[in-house]
All heavy atoms as atom14 arrays in JSON, in Angstrom:
{
  "sequence": "AGKTKSFTKVFKAAASTNNNLTFGIGGDFGDRSDDDAAVRY",
  "atom14_mask": [
    [1, 1, 1, 1, 1, 0, 0, 0, 0, 0, 0, 0, 0, 0],
    [1, 1, 1, 1, 0, 0, 0, 0, 0, 0, 0, 0, 0, 0],
    [1, 1, 1, 1, 1, 1, 1, 1, 1, 0, 0, 0, 0, 0],
    [1, 1, 1, 1, 1, 1, 1, 0, 0, 0, 0, 0, 0, 0],
    [1, 1, 1, 1, 1, 1, 1, 1, 1, 0, 0, 0, 0, 0],
    [1, 1, 1, 1, 1, 1, 0, 0, 0, 0, 0, 0, 0, 0],
    [1, 1, 1, 1, 1, 1, 1, 1, 1, 1, 1, 0, 0, 0],
    [1, 1, 1, 1, 1, 1, 1, 0, 0, 0, 0, 0, 0, 0],
    [1, 1, 1, 1, 1, 1, 1, 1, 1, 0, 0, 0, 0, 0],
    [1, 1, 1, 1, 1, 1, 1, 0, 0, 0, 0, 0, 0, 0],
    [1, 1, 1, 1, 1, 1, 1, 1, 1, 1, 1, 0, 0, 0],
    [1, 1, 1, 1, 1, 1, 1, 1, 1, 0, 0, 0, 0, 0],
    [1, 1, 1, 1, 1, 0, 0, 0, 0, 0, 0, 0, 0, 0],
    [1, 1, 1, 1, 1, 0, 0, 0, 0, 0, 0, 0, 0, 0],
    [1, 1, 1, 1, 1, 0, 0, 0, 0, 0, 0, 0, 0, 0],
    [1, 1, 1, 1, 1, 1, 0, 0, 0, 0, 0, 0, 0, 0],
    [1, 1, 1, 1, 1, 1, 1, 0, 0, 0, 0, 0, 0, 0],
    [1, 1, 1, 1, 1, 1, 1, 1, 0, 0, 0, 0, 0, 0],
    [1, 1, 1, 1, 1, 1, 1, 1, 0, 0, 0, 0, 0, 0],
    [1, 1, 1, 1, 1, 1, 1, 1, 0, 0, 0, 0, 0, 0],
    [1, 1, 1, 1, 1, 1, 1, 1, 0, 0, 0, 0, 0, 0],
    [1, 1, 1, 1, 1, 1, 1, 0, 0, 0, 0, 0, 0, 0],
    [1, 1, 1, 1, 1, 1, 1, 1, 1, 1, 1, 0, 0, 0],
    [1, 1, 1, 1, 0, 0, 0, 0, 0, 0, 0, 0, 0, 0],
    [1, 1, 1, 1, 1, 1, 1, 1, 0, 0, 0, 0, 0, 0],
    [1, 1, 1, 1, 0, 0, 0, 0, 0, 0, 0, 0, 0, 0],
    [1, 1, 1, 1, 0, 0, 0, 0, 0, 0, 0, 0, 0, 0],
    [1, 1, 1, 1, 1, 1, 1, 1, 0, 0, 0, 0, 0, 0],
    [1, 1, 1, 1, 1, 1, 1, 1, 1, 1, 1, 0, 0, 0],
    [1, 1, 1, 1, 0, 0, 0, 0, 0, 0, 0, 0, 0, 0],
    [1, 1, 1, 1, 1, 1, 1, 1, 0, 0, 0, 0, 0, 0],
    [1, 1, 1, 1, 1, 1, 1, 1, 1, 1, 1, 0, 0, 0],
    [1, 1, 1, 1, 1, 1, 0, 0, 0, 0, 0, 0, 0, 0],
    [1, 1, 1, 1, 1, 1, 1, 1, 0, 0, 0, 0, 0, 0],
    [1, 1, 1, 1, 1, 1, 1, 1, 0, 0, 0, 0, 0, 0],
    [1, 1, 1, 1, 1, 1, 1, 1, 0, 0, 0, 0, 0, 0],
    [1, 1, 1, 1, 1, 0, 0, 0, 0, 0, 0, 0, 0, 0],
    [1, 1, 1, 1, 1, 0, 0, 0, 0, 0, 0, 0, 0, 0],
    [1, 1, 1, 1, 1, 1, 1, 0, 0, 0, 0, 0, 0, 0],
    [1, 1, 1, 1, 1, 1, 1, 1, 1, 1, 1, 0, 0, 0],
    [1, 1, 1, 1, 1, 1, 1, 1, 1, 1, 1, 1, 0, 0]
  ],
  "atom14_positions": [
    [[78.54, 157.43, 116.61], [78.22, 158.87, 116.71], [76.85, 159.11, 117.3], [75.86, 158.53, 116.88], [78.28, 159.48, 115.32], [0.0, 0.0, 0.0], [0.0, 0.0, 0.0], [0.0, 0.0, 0.0], [0.0, 0.0, 0.0], [0.0, 0.0, 0.0], [0.0, 0.0, 0.0], [0.0, 0.0, 0.0], [0.0, 0.0, 0.0], [0.0, 0.0, 0.0]],
    [[76.81, 159.98, 118.3], [75.57, 160.46, 118.9], [74.9, 159.48, 119.85], [73.77, 159.74, 120.26], [0.0, 0.0, 0.0], [0.0, 0.0, 0.0], [0.0, 0.0, 0.0], [0.0, 0.0, 0.0], [0.0, 0.0, 0.0], [0.0, 0.0, 0.0], [0.0, 0.0, 0.0], [0.0, 0.0, 0.0], [0.0, 0.0, 0.0], [0.0, 0.0, 0.0]],
    [[75.55, 158.41, 120.21], [74.95, 157.42, 121.1], [75.76, 157.29, 122.36], [77.0, 157.25, 122.31], [74.8, 156.09, 120.44], [73.82, 156.07, 119.26], [73.68, 154.66, 118.69], [72.71, 154.69, 117.47], [72.62, 153.3, 116.87], [0.0, 0.0, 0.0], [0.0, 0.0, 0.0], [0.0, 0.0, 0.0], [0.0, 0.0, 0.0], [0.0, 0.0, 0.0]],
    [[75.1, 157.2, 123.53], [75.79, 156.94, 124.77], [75.74, 155.4, 125.04], [74.7, 154.8, 124.98], [75.11, 157.66, 125.93], [75.2, 159.09, 125.68], [75.78, 157.36, 127.27], [0.0, 0.0, 0.0], [0.0, 0.0, 0.0], [0.0, 0.0, 0.0], [0.0, 0.0, 0.0], [0.0, 0.0, 0.0], [0.0, 0.0, 0.0], [0.0, 0.0, 0.0]],
    [[76.9, 154.88, 125.34], [77.02, 153.42, 125.62], [77.61, 153.21, 127.01], [78.41, 154.03, 127.49], [77.91, 152.77, 124.56], [77.31, 152.83, 123.14], [78.16, 151.99, 122.22], [78.0, 150.47, 122.47], [78.74, 149.68, 121.5], [0.0, 0.0, 0.0], [0.0, 0.0, 0.0], [0.0, 0.0, 0.0], [0.0, 0.0, 0.0], [0.0, 0.0, 0.0]],
    [[77.12, 152.12, 127.68], [77.62, 151.77, 128.98], [78.68, 150.66, 128.88], [78.55, 149.75, 128.04], [76.43, 151.28, 129.86], [75.54, 152.29, 130.08], [0.0, 0.0, 0.0], [0.0, 0.0, 0.0], [0.0, 0.0, 0.0], [0.0, 0.0, 0.0], [0.0, 0.0, 0.0], [0.0, 0.0, 0.0], [0.0, 0.0, 0.0], [0.0, 0.0, 0.0]],
    [[79.73, 150.79, 129.67], [80.79, 149.77, 129.68], [81.11, 149.38, 131.11], [81.26, 150.23, 132.03], [82.02, 150.36, 129.04], [81.82, 150.82, 127.64], [81.47, 152.12, 127.34], [81.98, 149.94, 126.55], [81.3, 152.54, 126.02], [81.77, 150.35, 125.22], [81.41, 151.64, 124.98], [0.0, 0.0, 0.0], [0.0, 0.0, 0.0], [0.0, 0.0, 0.0]],
    [[81.29, 148.09, 131.33], [81.76, 147.55, 132.6], [82.76, 146.48, 132.3], [82.45, 145.5, 131.58], [80.66, 147.01, 133.49], [79.73, 148.07, 133.84], [81.18, 146.36, 134.77], [0.0, 0.0, 0.0], [0.0, 0.0, 0.0], [0.0, 0.0, 0.0], [0.0, 0.0, 0.0], [0.0, 0.0, 0.0], [0.0, 0.0, 0.0], [0.0, 0.0, 0.0]],
    [[83.99, 146.61, 132.8], [85.02, 145.6, 132.56], [85.48, 145.07, 133.91], [85.79, 145.86, 134.81], [86.22, 146.19, 131.81], [85.89, 146.7, 130.43], [85.62, 145.58, 129.43], [85.34, 146.08, 128.05], [85.1, 144.95, 127.09], [0.0, 0.0, 0.0], [0.0, 0.0, 0.0], [0.0, 0.0, 0.0], [0.0, 0.0, 0.0], [0.0, 0.0, 0.0]],
    [[85.53, 143.75, 134.03], [86.0, 143.13, 135.2], [87.33, 142.4, 134.85], [87.32, 141.62, 133.84], [84.97, 142.08, 135.74], [85.49, 141.42, 137.04], [83.64, 142.75, 135.98], [0.0, 0.0, 0.0], [0.0, 0.0, 0.0], [0.0, 0.0, 0.0], [0.0, 0.0, 0.0], [0.0, 0.0, 0.0], [0.0, 0.0, 0.0], [0.0, 0.0, 0.0]],
    [[88.39, 142.64, 135.52], [89.67, 142.05, 135.17], [90.55, 141.73, 136.33], [90.45, 142.36, 137.42], [90.46, 143.06, 134.25], [90.89, 144.32, 134.88], [92.17, 144.41, 135.45], [90.07, 145.4, 134.94], [92.58, 145.59, 136.09], [90.45, 146.6, 135.58], [91.75, 146.66, 136.15], [0.0, 0.0, 0.0], [0.0, 0.0, 0.0], [0.0, 0.0, 0.0]],
    [[91.4, 140.75, 136.15], [92.4, 140.41, 137.18], [93.68, 141.13, 136.79], [94.16, 140.94, 135.64], [92.64, 138.88, 137.22], [93.64, 138.49, 138.34], [93.78, 136.96, 138.37], [92.55, 136.33, 139.08], [92.77, 134.89, 139.34], [0.0, 0.0, 0.0], [0.0, 0.0, 0.0], [0.0, 0.0, 0.0], [0.0, 0.0, 0.0], [0.0, 0.0, 0.0]],
    [[94.25, 141.92, 137.63], [95.4, 142.78, 137.31], [96.61, 141.88, 136.98], [97.02, 141.0, 137.74], [95.73, 143.68, 138.45], [0.0, 0.0, 0.0], [0.0, 0.0, 0.0], [0.0, 0.0, 0.0], [0.0, 0.0, 0.0], [0.0, 0.0, 0.0], [0.0, 0.0, 0.0], [0.0, 0.0, 0.0], [0.0, 0.0, 0.0], [0.0, 0.0, 0.0]],
    [[97.22, 142.15, 135.81], [98.41, 141.39, 135.38], [99.69, 141.92, 135.99], [100.72, 141.31, 135.91], [98.48, 141.44, 133.84], [0.0, 0.0, 0.0], [0.0, 0.0, 0.0], [0.0, 0.0, 0.0], [0.0, 0.0, 0.0], [0.0, 0.0, 0.0], [0.0, 0.0, 0.0], [0.0, 0.0, 0.0], [0.0, 0.0, 0.0], [0.0, 0.0, 0.0]],
    [[99.59, 143.13, 136.59], [100.74, 143.75, 137.22], [100.27, 144.73, 138.28], [99.13, 145.18, 138.25], [101.59, 144.51, 136.17], [0.0, 0.0, 0.0], [0.0, 0.0, 0.0], [0.0, 0.0, 0.0], [0.0, 0.0, 0.0], [0.0, 0.0, 0.0], [0.0, 0.0, 0.0], [0.0, 0.0, 0.0], [0.0, 0.0, 0.0], [0.0, 0.0, 0.0]],
    [[101.13, 144.99, 139.23], [100.84, 146.01, 140.28], [101.29, 147.37, 139.76], [102.34, 147.47, 139.15], [101.53, 145.67, 141.56], [101.16, 144.46, 142.13], [0.0, 0.0, 0.0], [0.0, 0.0, 0.0], [0.0, 0.0, 0.0], [0.0, 0.0, 0.0], [0.0, 0.0, 0.0], [0.0, 0.0, 0.0], [0.0, 0.0, 0.0], [0.0, 0.0, 0.0]],
    [[100.46, 148.38, 140.01], [100.85, 149.69, 139.55], [100.11, 150.74, 140.4], [98.98, 150.5, 140.84], [100.46, 149.91, 138.07], [100.83, 151.24, 137.66], [98.99, 149.74, 137.78], [0.0, 0.0, 0.0], [0.0, 0.0, 0.0], [0.0, 0.0, 0.0], [0.0, 0.0, 0.0], [0.0, 0.0, 0.0], [0.0, 0.0, 0.0], [0.0, 0.0, 0.0]],
    [[100.79, 151.83, 140.65], [100.14, 152.98, 141.29], [100.26, 154.14, 140.33], [100.87, 155.21, 140.6], [100.92, 153.27, 142.6], [100.25, 154.38, 143.38], [99.05, 154.63, 143.28], [101.03, 155.13, 144.17], [0.0, 0.0, 0.0], [0.0, 0.0, 0.0], [0.0, 0.0, 0.0], [0.0, 0.0, 0.0], [0.0, 0.0, 0.0], [0.0, 0.0, 0.0]],
    [[99.64, 153.97, 139.17], [99.78, 154.9, 138.06], [98.39, 155.43, 137.66], [97.66, 155.83, 138.5], [100.47, 154.21, 136.92], [101.04, 155.18, 135.89], [100.33, 155.45, 134.87], [102.21, 155.76, 136.11], [0.0, 0.0, 0.0], [0.0, 0.0, 0.0], [0.0, 0.0, 0.0], [0.0, 0.0, 0.0], [0.0, 0.0, 0.0], [0.0, 0.0, 0.0]],
    [[98.1, 155.4, 136.38], [96.84, 155.92, 135.88], [96.0, 154.93, 135.1], [96.55, 154.0, 134.53], [97.14, 157.1, 134.92], [97.74, 158.3, 135.58], [97.33, 158.62, 136.7], [98.66, 158.97, 134.96], [0.0, 0.0, 0.0], [0.0, 0.0, 0.0], [0.0, 0.0, 0.0], [0.0, 0.0, 0.0], [0.0, 0.0, 0.0], [0.0, 0.0, 0.0]],
    [[94.71, 155.17, 135.13], [93.82, 154.58, 134.1], [93.72, 155.67, 133.02], [93.38, 156.82, 133.3], [92.49, 154.31, 134.68], [91.48, 153.65, 133.68], [90.56, 152.65, 134.41], [90.62, 154.65, 132.94], [0.0, 0.0, 0.0], [0.0, 0.0, 0.0], [0.0, 0.0, 0.0], [0.0, 0.0, 0.0], [0.0, 0.0, 0.0], [0.0, 0.0, 0.0]],
    [[94.08, 155.3, 131.83], [94.22, 156.28, 130.72], [93.27, 156.06, 129.57], [93.11, 154.89, 129.11], [95.66, 156.24, 130.11], [96.6, 156.54, 131.18], [95.87, 157.19, 128.99], [0.0, 0.0, 0.0], [0.0, 0.0, 0.0], [0.0, 0.0, 0.0], [0.0, 0.0, 0.0], [0.0, 0.0, 0.0], [0.0, 0.0, 0.0], [0.0, 0.0, 0.0]],
    [[92.54, 157.09, 129.17], [91.72, 157.07, 127.97], [92.52, 157.65, 126.83], [92.83, 158.81, 126.84], [90.41, 157.89, 128.19], [89.43, 157.28, 129.15], [89.49, 157.52, 130.51], [88.4, 156.47, 128.68], [88.57, 156.99, 131.36], [87.45, 155.94, 129.52], [87.56, 156.18, 130.86], [0.0, 0.0, 0.0], [0.0, 0.0, 0.0], [0.0, 0.0, 0.0]],
    [[92.9, 156.82, 125.87], [93.64, 157.26, 124.69], [92.59, 157.71, 123.65], [91.92, 156.89, 123.06], [0.0, 0.0, 0.0], [0.0, 0.0, 0.0], [0.0, 0.0, 0.0], [0.0, 0.0, 0.0], [0.0, 0.0, 0.0], [0.0, 0.0, 0.0], [0.0, 0.0, 0.0], [0.0, 0.0, 0.0], [0.0, 0.0, 0.0], [0.0, 0.0, 0.0]],
    [[92.46, 159.02, 123.44], [91.33, 159.51, 122.67], [91.76, 160.12, 121.35], [90.91, 160.67, 120.61], [90.46, 160.5, 123.47], [91.31, 161.76, 123.86], [89.9, 159.86, 124.72], [90.52, 162.84, 124.57], [0.0, 0.0, 0.0], [0.0, 0.0, 0.0], [0.0, 0.0, 0.0], [0.0, 0.0, 0.0], [0.0, 0.0, 0.0], [0.0, 0.0, 0.0]],
    [[93.02, 160.06, 121.02], [93.44, 160.6, 119.72], [93.01, 159.61, 118.57], [92.56, 158.5, 118.87], [0.0, 0.0, 0.0], [0.0, 0.0, 0.0], [0.0, 0.0, 0.0], [0.0, 0.0, 0.0], [0.0, 0.0, 0.0], [0.0, 0.0, 0.0], [0.0, 0.0, 0.0], [0.0, 0.0, 0.0], [0.0, 0.0, 0.0], [0.0, 0.0, 0.0]],
    [[93.11, 160.01, 117.34], [92.72, 159.13, 116.22], [93.76, 158.0, 116.14], [94.91, 158.13, 116.38], [0.0, 0.0, 0.0], [0.0, 0.0, 0.0], [0.0, 0.0, 0.0], [0.0, 0.0, 0.0], [0.0, 0.0, 0.0], [0.0, 0.0, 0.0], [0.0, 0.0, 0.0], [0.0, 0.0, 0.0], [0.0, 0.0, 0.0], [0.0, 0.0, 0.0]],
    [[93.25, 156.83, 115.75], [94.15, 155.65, 115.57], [93.56, 154.9, 114.38], [92.45, 154.38, 114.44], [94.19, 154.79, 116.77], [95.38, 153.82, 116.69], [95.7, 153.39, 115.57], [95.92, 153.43, 117.74], [0.0, 0.0, 0.0], [0.0, 0.0, 0.0], [0.0, 0.0, 0.0], [0.0, 0.0, 0.0], [0.0, 0.0, 0.0], [0.0, 0.0, 0.0]],
    [[94.32, 154.86, 113.29], [93.85, 154.23, 112.08], [94.56, 152.9, 111.73], [94.61, 152.47, 110.6], [93.94, 155.23, 110.92], [93.3, 156.53, 111.23], [93.99, 157.72, 111.28], [91.91, 156.57, 111.53], [93.36, 158.92, 111.62], [91.26, 157.8, 111.86], [92.05, 158.95, 111.9], [0.0, 0.0, 0.0], [0.0, 0.0, 0.0], [0.0, 0.0, 0.0]],
    [[95.14, 152.33, 112.82], [95.73, 151.01, 112.66], [97.07, 151.02, 111.97], [97.52, 149.93, 111.52], [0.0, 0.0, 0.0], [0.0, 0.0, 0.0], [0.0, 0.0, 0.0], [0.0, 0.0, 0.0], [0.0, 0.0, 0.0], [0.0, 0.0, 0.0], [0.0, 0.0, 0.0], [0.0, 0.0, 0.0], [0.0, 0.0, 0.0], [0.0, 0.0, 0.0]],
    [[97.71, 152.14, 111.85], [98.98, 152.19, 111.09], [100.11, 152.85, 111.86], [101.05, 153.33, 111.3], [98.75, 152.97, 109.79], [98.14, 154.34, 110.01], [97.99, 154.74, 111.19], [97.83, 155.02, 109.01], [0.0, 0.0, 0.0], [0.0, 0.0, 0.0], [0.0, 0.0, 0.0], [0.0, 0.0, 0.0], [0.0, 0.0, 0.0], [0.0, 0.0, 0.0]],
    [[100.03, 152.85, 113.17], [101.05, 153.39, 114.0], [102.13, 152.39, 114.36], [101.87, 151.19, 114.34], [100.43, 154.02, 115.29], [99.4, 155.08, 115.13], [99.94, 156.31, 114.47], [100.97, 156.97, 115.29], [101.6, 158.06, 114.91], [101.37, 158.59, 113.74], [102.49, 158.6, 115.68], [0.0, 0.0, 0.0], [0.0, 0.0, 0.0], [0.0, 0.0, 0.0]],
    [[103.3, 152.86, 114.68], [104.39, 151.97, 115.1], [105.04, 152.48, 116.39], [106.24, 152.28, 116.58], [105.42, 151.85, 113.97], [105.98, 153.15, 113.67], [0.0, 0.0, 0.0], [0.0, 0.0, 0.0], [0.0, 0.0, 0.0], [0.0, 0.0, 0.0], [0.0, 0.0, 0.0], [0.0, 0.0, 0.0], [0.0, 0.0, 0.0], [0.0, 0.0, 0.0]],
    [[104.25, 153.2, 117.22], [104.86, 153.69, 118.46], [105.0, 152.54, 119.5], [104.73, 151.4, 119.21], [103.93, 154.8, 119.07], [102.48, 154.52, 118.91], [102.1, 153.86, 117.97], [101.69, 155.03, 119.77], [0.0, 0.0, 0.0], [0.0, 0.0, 0.0], [0.0, 0.0, 0.0], [0.0, 0.0, 0.0], [0.0, 0.0, 0.0], [0.0, 0.0, 0.0]],
    [[105.54, 152.87, 120.67], [106.01, 151.85, 121.64], [105.01, 150.78, 121.91], [105.38, 149.6, 122.06], [106.45, 152.54, 122.93], [107.74, 153.38, 122.74], [108.4, 153.2, 121.67], [108.03, 154.19, 123.56], [0.0, 0.0, 0.0], [0.0, 0.0, 0.0], [0.0, 0.0, 0.0], [0.0, 0.0, 0.0], [0.0, 0.0, 0.0], [0.0, 0.0, 0.0]],
    [[103.77, 151.12, 122.17], [102.8, 150.1, 122.62], [101.84, 149.69, 121.49], [100.84, 148.98, 121.76], [101.97, 150.66, 123.8], [100.93, 151.67, 123.38], [101.2, 152.44, 122.39], [99.87, 151.74, 123.97], [0.0, 0.0, 0.0], [0.0, 0.0, 0.0], [0.0, 0.0, 0.0], [0.0, 0.0, 0.0], [0.0, 0.0, 0.0], [0.0, 0.0, 0.0]],
    [[102.16, 149.99, 120.28], [101.27, 149.67, 119.1], [101.0, 148.16, 119.02], [99.83, 147.79, 118.86], [101.83, 150.21, 117.81], [0.0, 0.0, 0.0], [0.0, 0.0, 0.0], [0.0, 0.0, 0.0], [0.0, 0.0, 0.0], [0.0, 0.0, 0.0], [0.0, 0.0, 0.0], [0.0, 0.0, 0.0], [0.0, 0.0, 0.0], [0.0, 0.0, 0.0]],
    [[102.04, 147.37, 119.11], [101.83, 145.9, 118.98], [100.85, 145.36, 120.0], [99.98, 144.54, 119.71], [103.19, 145.15, 119.08], [0.0, 0.0, 0.0], [0.0, 0.0, 0.0], [0.0, 0.0, 0.0], [0.0, 0.0, 0.0], [0.0, 0.0, 0.0], [0.0, 0.0, 0.0], [0.0, 0.0, 0.0], [0.0, 0.0, 0.0], [0.0, 0.0, 0.0]],
    [[101.0, 145.84, 121.25], [100.14, 145.38, 122.35], [98.7, 145.87, 122.12], [97.75, 145.08, 122.15], [100.62, 145.92, 123.68], [99.62, 145.62, 124.8], [101.98, 145.35, 124.06], [0.0, 0.0, 0.0], [0.0, 0.0, 0.0], [0.0, 0.0, 0.0], [0.0, 0.0, 0.0], [0.0, 0.0, 0.0], [0.0, 0.0, 0.0], [0.0, 0.0, 0.0]],
    [[98.52, 147.16, 121.82], [97.14, 147.62, 121.73], [96.41, 147.07, 120.48], [95.17, 146.9, 120.46], [97.08, 149.16, 121.79], [97.57, 149.95, 120.61], [97.22, 151.44, 120.84], [97.59, 152.21, 119.67], [98.73, 152.78, 119.42], [99.73, 152.66, 120.32], [98.97, 153.49, 118.32], [0.0, 0.0, 0.0], [0.0, 0.0, 0.0], [0.0, 0.0, 0.0]],
    [[97.13, 146.83, 119.41], [96.53, 146.23, 118.21], [96.17, 144.79, 118.42], [95.14, 144.28, 117.91], [97.36, 146.37, 116.99], [97.55, 147.86, 116.53], [98.7, 148.3, 115.9], [96.51, 148.81, 116.74], [98.86, 149.58, 115.47], [96.7, 150.08, 116.3], [97.85, 150.51, 115.7], [98.0, 151.81, 115.29], [0.0, 0.0, 0.0], [0.0, 0.0, 0.0]]
  ]
}
């Protein structure tokens, strides 16, 4: 809270895509079971 942080990520793409870079900003309390939950956890 109240702090600005810098982030830089360097990655090799695991798949080709012409889609979006998405910021998921809703609350997540580690108890979801939606489609991508297993991957993101």
